[in-house]
Amino acid sequence: MQILHTSDWHIGRALYGRIIFDLQCSMVGVWQKSSRLKGVNIMERYKNLGNDSGISAYEIGDDYIKVQFRDGSLYLYNYGSAGSQNIEKMKELAIAGKGLNSFINRFVRKGYASKLI
């Protein structure tokens, strides 16, 4: 697995006194689209608004969600392994940044399709 470190992009910061946030957002969108077309997976950092989650990142697809835990393990959950309703709820919680770890523990515990890492 290769990881692209993006914290050095300083999104939202001024460059030589000029605000270039719109340009930066546009470029991130282009990069994401290009990456997905080339089969590169893009993980989103989990917000962890409850400050007690074991989840560090996630990736959402049409019929799946990949969840990376703080220990580095990465699991794929899909419609076939956990059911479409559970997957859609997991996506919702991942985007919200709160409750995903609890939901997995309570409702889909071993319902993953595969352990990727």
C-alpha atoms as a PDB file:
ATOM      1  CA  MET A   1       0.000   0.000   0.000  1.00  0.00           C
ATOM      2  CA  GLN A   2       1.280   3.462  -0.879  1.00  0.00           C
ATOM      3  CA  ILE A   3       0.230   6.531   1.064  1.00  0.00           C
ATOM      4  CA  LEU A   4       0.287  10.058  -0.273  1.00  0.00           C
ATOM      5  CA  HIS A   5       1.003  12.485   2.557  1.00  0.00           C
ATOM      6  CA  THR A   6      -1.119  15.584   1.982  1.00  0.00           C
ATOM      7  CA  SER A   7      -0.620  17.698   5.109  1.00  0.00           C
ATOM      8  CA  ASP A   8       2.053  19.758   3.360  1.00  0.00           C
ATOM      9  CA  TRP A   9      -0.517  21.139   0.941  1.00  0.00           C
ATOM     10  CA  HIS A  10      -1.578  23.713   3.570  1.00  0.00           C
ATOM     11  CA  ILE A  11      -5.094  23.909   2.189  1.00  0.00           C
ATOM     12  CA  GLY A  12      -6.783  27.145   3.169  1.00  0.00           C
ATOM     13  CA  ARG A  13      -3.531  29.000   3.801  1.00  0.00           C
ATOM     14  CA  ALA A  14      -2.464  32.042   1.823  1.00  0.00           C
ATOM     15  CA  LEU A  15       0.386  31.817  -0.689  1.00  0.00           C
ATOM     16  CA  TYR A  16       2.444  34.996  -0.970  1.00  0.00           C
ATOM     17  CA  GLY A  17      -0.473  36.881   0.550  1.00  0.00           C
ATOM     18  CA  ARG A  18      -3.031  35.516  -1.920  1.00  0.00           C
ATOM     19  CA  ILE A  19      -5.944  33.314  -0.861  1.00  0.00           C
ATOM     20  CA  ILE A  20      -6.009  30.365  -3.237  1.00  0.00           C
ATOM     21  CA  PHE A  21      -8.501  28.128  -1.439  1.00  0.00           C
ATOM     22  CA  ASP A  22     -10.799  27.756  -4.478  1.00  0.00           C
ATOM     23  CA  LEU A  23      -7.865  26.707  -6.656  1.00  0.00           C
ATOM     24  CA  GLN A  24      -6.672  24.242  -4.010  1.00  0.00           C
ATOM     25  CA  CYS A  25     -10.143  22.698  -3.684  1.00  0.00           C
ATOM     26  CA  SER A  26     -10.395  22.431  -7.443  1.00  0.00           C
ATOM     27  CA  MET A  27      -7.040  20.671  -7.645  1.00  0.00           C
ATOM     28  CA  VAL A  28      -7.965  18.240  -4.867  1.00  0.00           C
ATOM     29  CA  GLY A  29     -11.125  17.365  -6.808  1.00  0.00           C
ATOM     30  CA  VAL A  30      -9.123  16.740  -9.979  1.00  0.00           C
ATOM     31  CA  TRP A  31      -6.606  14.632  -8.055  1.00  0.00           C
ATOM     32  CA  GLN A  32      -9.354  12.539  -6.435  1.00  0.00           C
ATOM     33  CA  LYS A  33     -11.120  11.895  -9.740  1.00  0.00           C
ATOM     34  CA  SER A  34      -7.872  11.024 -11.502  1.00  0.00           C
ATOM     35  CA  SER A  35      -6.778   8.743  -8.678  1.00  0.00           C
ATOM     36  CA  ARG A  36     -10.056   6.828  -8.655  1.00  0.00           C
ATOM     37  CA  LEU A  37      -9.927   6.388 -12.438  1.00  0.00           C
ATOM     38  CA  LYS A  38      -6.466   4.845 -12.023  1.00  0.00           C
ATOM     39  CA  GLY A  39      -7.672   2.516  -9.276  1.00  0.00           C
ATOM     40  CA  VAL A  40      -5.992   4.359  -6.407  1.00  0.00           C
ATOM     41  CA  ASN A  41      -7.868   4.078  -3.119  1.00  0.00           C
ATOM     42  CA  ILE A  42      -8.478   7.281  -1.209  1.00  0.00           C
ATOM     43  CA  MET A  43      -9.017   6.974   2.519  1.00  0.00           C
ATOM     44  CA  GLU A  44     -10.712   9.789   4.414  1.00  0.00           C
ATOM     45  CA  ARG A  45      -9.569  10.549   7.945  1.00  0.00           C
ATOM     46  CA  TYR A  46     -12.268   9.667  10.479  1.00  0.00           C
ATOM     47  CA  LYS A  47     -13.253  12.800  12.444  1.00  0.00           C
ATOM     48  CA  ASN A  48     -13.636  10.918  15.752  1.00  0.00           C
ATOM     49  CA  LEU A  49     -15.917  13.563  17.256  1.00  0.00           C
ATOM     50  CA  GLY A  50     -16.510  11.361  20.291  1.00  0.00           C
ATOM     51  CA  ASN A  51     -12.744  11.211  20.952  1.00  0.00           C
ATOM     52  CA  ASP A  52     -12.930   7.516  21.816  1.00  0.00           C
ATOM     53  CA  SER A  53     -13.001   5.692  18.499  1.00  0.00           C
ATOM     54  CA  GLY A  54     -10.750   2.873  17.407  1.00  0.00           C
ATOM     55  CA  ILE A  55     -11.210   3.994  13.792  1.00  0.00           C
ATOM     56  CA  SER A  56      -8.669   6.177  12.006  1.00  0.00           C
ATOM     57  CA  ALA A  57      -9.867   6.282   8.371  1.00  0.00           C
ATOM     58  CA  TYR A  58     -12.460   5.012   5.903  1.00  0.00           C
ATOM     59  CA  GLU A  59     -13.175   4.737   2.195  1.00  0.00           C
ATOM     60  CA  ILE A  60     -16.686   4.700   0.780  1.00  0.00           C
ATOM     61  CA  GLY A  61     -17.681   2.958  -2.446  1.00  0.00           C
ATOM     62  CA  ASP A  62     -21.029   2.307  -4.096  1.00  0.00           C
ATOM     63  CA  ASP A  63     -21.676  -0.967  -2.260  1.00  0.00           C
ATOM     64  CA  TYR A  64     -18.898  -1.084   0.318  1.00  0.00           C
ATOM     65  CA  ILE A  65     -16.968   0.710   3.005  1.00  0.00           C
ATOM     66  CA  LYS A  66     -13.373   0.065   3.995  1.00  0.00           C
ATOM     67  CA  VAL A  67     -12.535   0.847   7.602  1.00  0.00           C
ATOM     68  CA  GLN A  68      -9.033   1.296   8.971  1.00  0.00           C
ATOM     69  CA  PHE A  69      -8.575   0.931  12.703  1.00  0.00           C
ATOM     70  CA  ARG A  70      -5.971   2.660  14.859  1.00  0.00           C
ATOM     71  CA  ASP A  71      -3.950  -0.565  15.080  1.00  0.00           C
ATOM     72  CA  GLY A  72      -3.446  -0.334  11.303  1.00  0.00           C
ATOM     73  CA  SER A  73      -5.809  -3.155  10.363  1.00  0.00           C
ATOM     74  CA  LEU A  74      -8.029  -2.513   7.336  1.00  0.00           C
ATOM     75  CA  TYR A  75     -11.343  -4.283   6.744  1.00  0.00           C
ATOM     76  CA  LEU A  76     -13.701  -4.367   3.785  1.00  0.00           C
ATOM     77  CA  TYR A  77     -17.430  -4.490   4.535  1.00  0.00           C
ATOM     78  CA  ASN A  78     -19.857  -4.819   1.640  1.00  0.00           C
ATOM     79  CA  TYR A  79     -23.518  -5.470   0.894  1.00  0.00           C
ATOM     80  CA  GLY A  80     -22.891  -9.192   0.637  1.00  0.00           C
ATOM     81  CA  SER A  81     -21.047  -9.503   3.944  1.00  0.00           C
ATOM     82  CA  ALA A  82     -22.955  -7.123   6.215  1.00  0.00           C
ATOM     83  CA  GLY A  83     -26.150  -6.227   4.357  1.00  0.00           C
ATOM     84  CA  SER A  84     -26.995  -3.072   2.438  1.00  0.00           C
ATOM     85  CA  GLN A  85     -28.783  -1.375   5.353  1.00  0.00           C
ATOM     86  CA  ASN A  86     -25.784  -1.840   7.640  1.00  0.00           C
ATOM     87  CA  ILE A  87     -23.346  -0.618   4.984  1.00  0.00           C
ATOM     88  CA  GLU A  88     -25.424   2.488   4.285  1.00  0.00           C
ATOM     89  CA  LYS A  89     -25.617   3.234   8.022  1.00  0.00           C
ATOM     90  CA  MET A  90     -21.844   2.749   8.332  1.00  0.00           C
ATOM     91  CA  LYS A  91     -21.292   5.228   5.485  1.00  0.00           C
ATOM     92  CA  GLU A  92     -23.546   7.749   7.209  1.00  0.00           C
ATOM     93  CA  LEU A  93     -21.723   7.364  10.525  1.00  0.00           C
ATOM     94  CA  ALA A  94     -18.303   7.550   8.853  1.00  0.00           C
ATOM     95  CA  ILE A  95     -19.169  10.850   7.192  1.00  0.00           C
ATOM     96  CA  ALA A  96     -20.641  12.186  10.443  1.00  0.00           C
ATOM     97  CA  GLY A  97     -17.437  11.232  12.292  1.00  0.00           C
ATOM     98  CA  LYS A  98     -19.163   9.706  15.266  1.00  0.00           C
ATOM     99  CA  GLY A  99     -20.602   6.312  16.200  1.00  0.00           C
ATOM    100  CA  LEU A 100     -19.043   4.083  13.555  1.00  0.00           C
ATOM    101  CA  ASN A 101     -16.880   2.043  15.919  1.00  0.00           C
ATOM    102  CA  SER A 102     -19.838   1.397  18.254  1.00  0.00           C
ATOM    103  CA  PHE A 103     -22.073   0.447  15.335  1.00  0.00           C
ATOM    104  CA  ILE A 104     -19.530  -2.046  14.024  1.00  0.00           C
ATOM    105  CA  ASN A 105     -19.109  -3.587  17.477  1.00  0.00           C
ATOM    106  CA  ARG A 106     -22.857  -3.865  18.060  1.00  0.00           C
ATOM    107  CA  PHE A 107     -24.221  -4.853  14.658  1.00  0.00           C
ATOM    108  CA  VAL A 108     -21.626  -6.089  12.158  1.00  0.00           C
ATOM    109  CA  ARG A 109     -18.775  -7.346  14.353  1.00  0.00           C
ATOM    110  CA  LYS A 110     -17.559 -10.214  12.116  1.00  0.00           C
ATOM    111  CA  GLY A 111     -19.562  -9.175   9.064  1.00  0.00           C
ATOM    112  CA  TYR A 112     -16.585  -8.085   7.040  1.00  0.00           C
ATOM    113  CA  ALA A 113     -15.920  -9.419   3.554  1.00  0.00           C
ATOM    114  CA  SER A 114     -12.158  -9.515   4.042  1.00  0.00           C
ATOM    115  CA  LYS A 115      -9.307  -8.284   6.158  1.00  0.00           C
ATOM    116  CA  LEU A 116      -7.086  -6.331   3.783  1.00  0.00           C
ATOM    117  CA  ILE A 117      -4.258  -5.533   6.209  1.00  0.00           C
END
